[in-house]
Amino acid sequence: MNLRGGDLADTDDFVLLGKDKKKLHTIRQEIEIFLEDYLQLQLNNKTTVDNIWNGIDFCGYVTYPPYRKLRKSTKKKMKKKLKYLQKKYYEEEVTLEDIRASVNSYLGILKHCNSYNLTMSVIRKLDDHILEQLDLGDRLELKN
């Protein structure tokens, strides 16, 4: 964050929840004033007041009251990256450890949302030869 010379920097993400939309707009204005006057920060242009049932897009997930999903763009990137890694593995440009690191990272991300079907899809994208070498333990059973 650059706070020198009166420059305004963007804040990190945060979420406010409430039942009264009017009150939320008032609180938002108060936050904007405080941030600018005392911290020399400003809210970015993505700031919205919306109904919780439309989902809250926050930190890579979209959260609805009963569940949380992975953001669509993250799903696409994940699948594209796995396809790319497998191709590069067979071209001997990446190692099995590179693939293992990515798969473990993705599976870790998927643990924090409702993602059984997506997890299955990610594992199914892996070539059987690579999957056997990764030794994902009980996750291997998911492929069947």
C-alpha atoms as a PDB file:
ATOM      1  CA  MET A   1       0.000   0.000   0.000  1.00  0.00           C
ATOM      2  CA  ASN A   2       1.344   3.416  -0.920  1.00  0.00           C
ATOM      3  CA  LEU A   3       0.367   5.973   1.705  1.00  0.00           C
ATOM      4  CA  ARG A   4       2.941   8.680   0.835  1.00  0.00           C
ATOM      5  CA  GLY A   5       2.083  12.078  -0.580  1.00  0.00           C
ATOM      6  CA  GLY A   6      -1.644  11.846   0.119  1.00  0.00           C
ATOM      7  CA  ASP A   7      -2.122   9.118  -2.495  1.00  0.00           C
ATOM      8  CA  LEU A   8      -5.185   6.992  -1.851  1.00  0.00           C
ATOM      9  CA  ALA A   9      -4.603   3.232  -1.850  1.00  0.00           C
ATOM     10  CA  ASP A  10      -7.207   0.455  -2.140  1.00  0.00           C
ATOM     11  CA  THR A  11      -8.108  -1.475   0.996  1.00  0.00           C
ATOM     12  CA  ASP A  12      -8.145  -5.240   1.368  1.00  0.00           C
ATOM     13  CA  ASP A  13     -11.441  -7.069   0.952  1.00  0.00           C
ATOM     14  CA  PHE A  14     -14.098  -7.119   3.626  1.00  0.00           C
ATOM     15  CA  VAL A  15     -17.804  -7.977   3.842  1.00  0.00           C
ATOM     16  CA  LEU A  16     -20.628  -6.335   5.793  1.00  0.00           C
ATOM     17  CA  LEU A  17     -23.873  -8.213   6.295  1.00  0.00           C
ATOM     18  CA  GLY A  18     -27.205  -6.811   7.395  1.00  0.00           C
ATOM     19  CA  LYS A  19     -30.939  -6.959   6.817  1.00  0.00           C
ATOM     20  CA  ASP A  20     -31.526  -3.256   6.053  1.00  0.00           C
ATOM     21  CA  LYS A  21     -30.125  -2.162   2.669  1.00  0.00           C
ATOM     22  CA  LYS A  22     -30.548   1.540   3.527  1.00  0.00           C
ATOM     23  CA  LYS A  23     -28.541   1.094   6.722  1.00  0.00           C
ATOM     24  CA  LEU A  24     -25.812  -0.771   4.824  1.00  0.00           C
ATOM     25  CA  HIS A  25     -25.506   2.141   2.372  1.00  0.00           C
ATOM     26  CA  THR A  26     -25.199   4.546   5.328  1.00  0.00           C
ATOM     27  CA  ILE A  27     -22.524   2.373   6.958  1.00  0.00           C
ATOM     28  CA  ARG A  28     -20.681   2.160   3.638  1.00  0.00           C
ATOM     29  CA  GLN A  29     -20.622   5.982   3.374  1.00  0.00           C
ATOM     30  CA  GLU A  30     -19.338   6.253   6.944  1.00  0.00           C
ATOM     31  CA  ILE A  31     -16.605   3.700   6.202  1.00  0.00           C
ATOM     32  CA  GLU A  32     -15.602   5.591   3.029  1.00  0.00           C
ATOM     33  CA  ILE A  33     -15.292   8.852   4.964  1.00  0.00           C
ATOM     34  CA  PHE A  34     -13.286   7.229   7.752  1.00  0.00           C
ATOM     35  CA  LEU A  35     -10.942   5.439   5.347  1.00  0.00           C
ATOM     36  CA  GLU A  36     -10.247   8.568   3.305  1.00  0.00           C
ATOM     37  CA  ASP A  37      -9.977  11.042   6.207  1.00  0.00           C
ATOM     38  CA  TYR A  38      -8.030   8.964   8.726  1.00  0.00           C
ATOM     39  CA  LEU A  39      -6.232   6.220   6.823  1.00  0.00           C
ATOM     40  CA  GLN A  40      -5.889   7.741   3.342  1.00  0.00           C
ATOM     41  CA  LEU A  41      -7.517   4.638   1.848  1.00  0.00           C
ATOM     42  CA  GLN A  42     -10.473   4.220  -0.480  1.00  0.00           C
ATOM     43  CA  LEU A  43     -12.956   1.529  -1.395  1.00  0.00           C
ATOM     44  CA  ASN A  44     -12.410   0.124  -4.882  1.00  0.00           C
ATOM     45  CA  ASN A  45     -14.984   0.257  -7.667  1.00  0.00           C
ATOM     46  CA  LYS A  46     -16.102  -3.348  -7.002  1.00  0.00           C
ATOM     47  CA  THR A  47     -17.823  -2.293  -3.782  1.00  0.00           C
ATOM     48  CA  THR A  48     -21.509  -3.274  -3.866  1.00  0.00           C
ATOM     49  CA  VAL A  49     -24.543  -3.610  -1.668  1.00  0.00           C
ATOM     50  CA  ASP A  50     -26.559  -6.628  -2.765  1.00  0.00           C
ATOM     51  CA  ASN A  51     -28.878  -9.369  -1.555  1.00  0.00           C
ATOM     52  CA  ILE A  52     -26.998 -12.213   0.153  1.00  0.00           C
ATOM     53  CA  TRP A  53     -29.025 -14.747  -1.863  1.00  0.00           C
ATOM     54  CA  ASN A  54     -27.225 -13.531  -5.026  1.00  0.00           C
ATOM     55  CA  GLY A  55     -24.005 -14.847  -3.518  1.00  0.00           C
ATOM     56  CA  ILE A  56     -20.961 -13.122  -2.078  1.00  0.00           C
ATOM     57  CA  ASP A  57     -17.919 -13.322  -4.364  1.00  0.00           C
ATOM     58  CA  PHE A  58     -15.071 -13.199  -1.845  1.00  0.00           C
ATOM     59  CA  CYS A  59     -11.542 -14.614  -1.712  1.00  0.00           C
ATOM     60  CA  GLY A  60     -11.969 -17.002  -4.668  1.00  0.00           C
ATOM     61  CA  TYR A  61     -15.303 -18.448  -3.607  1.00  0.00           C
ATOM     62  CA  VAL A  62     -18.942 -17.493  -4.102  1.00  0.00           C
ATOM     63  CA  THR A  63     -20.824 -17.949  -0.837  1.00  0.00           C
ATOM     64  CA  TYR A  64     -24.569 -18.421  -0.627  1.00  0.00           C
ATOM     65  CA  PRO A  65     -26.367 -18.825   2.719  1.00  0.00           C
ATOM     66  CA  PRO A  66     -26.519 -22.644   2.548  1.00  0.00           C
ATOM     67  CA  TYR A  67     -23.229 -23.391   0.718  1.00  0.00           C
ATOM     68  CA  ARG A  68     -19.988 -22.134  -0.898  1.00  0.00           C
ATOM     69  CA  LYS A  69     -18.756 -22.716  -4.468  1.00  0.00           C
ATOM     70  CA  LEU A  70     -15.447 -22.110  -6.150  1.00  0.00           C
ATOM     71  CA  ARG A  71     -15.429 -19.098  -8.487  1.00  0.00           C
ATOM     72  CA  LYS A  72     -16.039 -20.168 -12.134  1.00  0.00           C
ATOM     73  CA  SER A  73     -12.861 -18.512 -13.413  1.00  0.00           C
ATOM     74  CA  THR A  74     -10.821 -20.449 -10.840  1.00  0.00           C
ATOM     75  CA  LYS A  75     -12.401 -23.750 -11.975  1.00  0.00           C
ATOM     76  CA  LYS A  76     -11.504 -23.024 -15.592  1.00  0.00           C
ATOM     77  CA  LYS A  77      -7.921 -22.077 -14.722  1.00  0.00           C
ATOM     78  CA  MET A  78      -7.557 -25.212 -12.603  1.00  0.00           C
ATOM     79  CA  LYS A  79      -8.674 -27.560 -15.371  1.00  0.00           C
ATOM     80  CA  LYS A  80      -6.626 -25.746 -18.015  1.00  0.00           C
ATOM     81  CA  LYS A  81      -3.508 -25.883 -15.839  1.00  0.00           C
ATOM     82  CA  LEU A  82      -3.872 -29.632 -15.210  1.00  0.00           C
ATOM     83  CA  LYS A  83      -4.231 -30.288 -18.921  1.00  0.00           C
ATOM     84  CA  TYR A  84      -1.156 -28.147 -19.596  1.00  0.00           C
ATOM     85  CA  LEU A  85       0.894 -29.878 -16.869  1.00  0.00           C
ATOM     86  CA  GLN A  86       0.055 -33.340 -18.188  1.00  0.00           C
ATOM     87  CA  LYS A  87       1.085 -32.323 -21.705  1.00  0.00           C
ATOM     88  CA  LYS A  88       4.352 -30.844 -20.433  1.00  0.00           C
ATOM     89  CA  TYR A  89       4.963 -33.932 -18.288  1.00  0.00           C
ATOM     90  CA  TYR A  90       4.883 -36.176 -21.353  1.00  0.00           C
ATOM     91  CA  GLU A  91       7.128 -33.688 -23.162  1.00  0.00           C
ATOM     92  CA  GLU A  92       9.458 -34.015 -20.119  1.00  0.00           C
ATOM     93  CA  GLU A  93       9.271 -30.305 -19.347  1.00  0.00           C
ATOM     94  CA  VAL A  94       7.684 -30.693 -15.897  1.00  0.00           C
ATOM     95  CA  THR A  95       8.125 -33.324 -13.232  1.00  0.00           C
ATOM     96  CA  LEU A  96       5.640 -35.467 -11.386  1.00  0.00           C
ATOM     97  CA  GLU A  97       6.405 -33.336  -8.324  1.00  0.00           C
ATOM     98  CA  ASP A  98       5.196 -30.242 -10.208  1.00  0.00           C
ATOM     99  CA  ILE A  99       1.913 -31.999 -10.945  1.00  0.00           C
ATOM    100  CA  ARG A 100       1.641 -33.322  -7.371  1.00  0.00           C
ATOM    101  CA  ALA A 101       2.119 -29.808  -5.971  1.00  0.00           C
ATOM    102  CA  SER A 102      -0.615 -28.376  -8.202  1.00  0.00           C
ATOM    103  CA  VAL A 103      -3.057 -31.236  -7.535  1.00  0.00           C
ATOM    104  CA  ASN A 104      -2.528 -30.987  -3.774  1.00  0.00           C
ATOM    105  CA  SER A 105      -2.999 -27.226  -3.922  1.00  0.00           C
ATOM    106  CA  TYR A 106      -6.239 -27.582  -5.884  1.00  0.00           C
ATOM    107  CA  LEU A 107      -7.559 -30.304  -3.589  1.00  0.00           C
ATOM    108  CA  GLY A 108      -6.770 -28.040  -0.629  1.00  0.00           C
ATOM    109  CA  ILE A 109      -8.711 -25.184  -2.199  1.00  0.00           C
ATOM    110  CA  LEU A 110     -11.628 -27.510  -2.967  1.00  0.00           C
ATOM    111  CA  LYS A 111     -11.853 -28.670   0.663  1.00  0.00           C
ATOM    112  CA  HIS A 112     -13.234 -25.265   1.647  1.00  0.00           C
ATOM    113  CA  CYS A 113     -16.343 -25.382  -0.511  1.00  0.00           C
ATOM    114  CA  ASN A 114     -19.099 -27.699  -1.675  1.00  0.00           C
ATOM    115  CA  SER A 115     -17.056 -29.389  -4.368  1.00  0.00           C
ATOM    116  CA  TYR A 116     -17.469 -33.165  -4.455  1.00  0.00           C
ATOM    117  CA  ASN A 117     -18.374 -33.161  -8.163  1.00  0.00           C
ATOM    118  CA  LEU A 118     -15.631 -30.691  -9.018  1.00  0.00           C
ATOM    119  CA  THR A 119     -13.078 -32.732  -7.063  1.00  0.00           C
ATOM    120  CA  MET A 120     -14.156 -35.809  -9.001  1.00  0.00           C
ATOM    121  CA  SER A 121     -13.831 -33.859 -12.243  1.00  0.00           C
ATOM    122  CA  VAL A 122     -10.315 -32.672 -11.347  1.00  0.00           C
ATOM    123  CA  ILE A 123      -9.193 -36.216 -10.543  1.00  0.00           C
ATOM    124  CA  ARG A 124     -10.788 -37.561 -13.734  1.00  0.00           C
ATOM    125  CA  LYS A 125      -8.798 -35.038 -15.774  1.00  0.00           C
ATOM    126  CA  LEU A 126      -5.608 -36.792 -14.694  1.00  0.00           C
ATOM    127  CA  ASP A 127      -4.209 -39.500 -16.924  1.00  0.00           C
ATOM    128  CA  ASP A 128      -4.330 -42.956 -15.250  1.00  0.00           C
ATOM    129  CA  HIS A 129      -0.526 -43.286 -15.508  1.00  0.00           C
ATOM    130  CA  ILE A 130       0.015 -39.972 -13.709  1.00  0.00           C
ATOM    131  CA  LEU A 131      -2.749 -40.638 -11.202  1.00  0.00           C
ATOM    132  CA  GLU A 132      -1.182 -43.954 -10.163  1.00  0.00           C
ATOM    133  CA  GLN A 133       2.189 -42.259  -9.594  1.00  0.00           C
ATOM    134  CA  LEU A 134       0.692 -39.423  -7.558  1.00  0.00           C
ATOM    135  CA  ASP A 135      -0.505 -41.881  -4.886  1.00  0.00           C
ATOM    136  CA  LEU A 136      -3.406 -39.774  -3.684  1.00  0.00           C
ATOM    137  CA  GLY A 137      -4.480 -42.504  -1.302  1.00  0.00           C
ATOM    138  CA  ASP A 138      -8.224 -42.644  -0.757  1.00  0.00           C
ATOM    139  CA  ARG A 139      -8.770 -40.056  -3.472  1.00  0.00           C
ATOM    140  CA  LEU A 140      -7.871 -42.721  -6.053  1.00  0.00           C
ATOM    141  CA  GLU A 141     -11.139 -44.456  -5.163  1.00  0.00           C
ATOM    142  CA  LEU A 142     -13.049 -41.366  -6.289  1.00  0.00           C
ATOM    143  CA  LYS A 143     -12.116 -41.990  -9.906  1.00  0.00           C
ATOM    144  CA  ASN A 144     -14.054 -45.259 -10.108  1.00  0.00           C
END
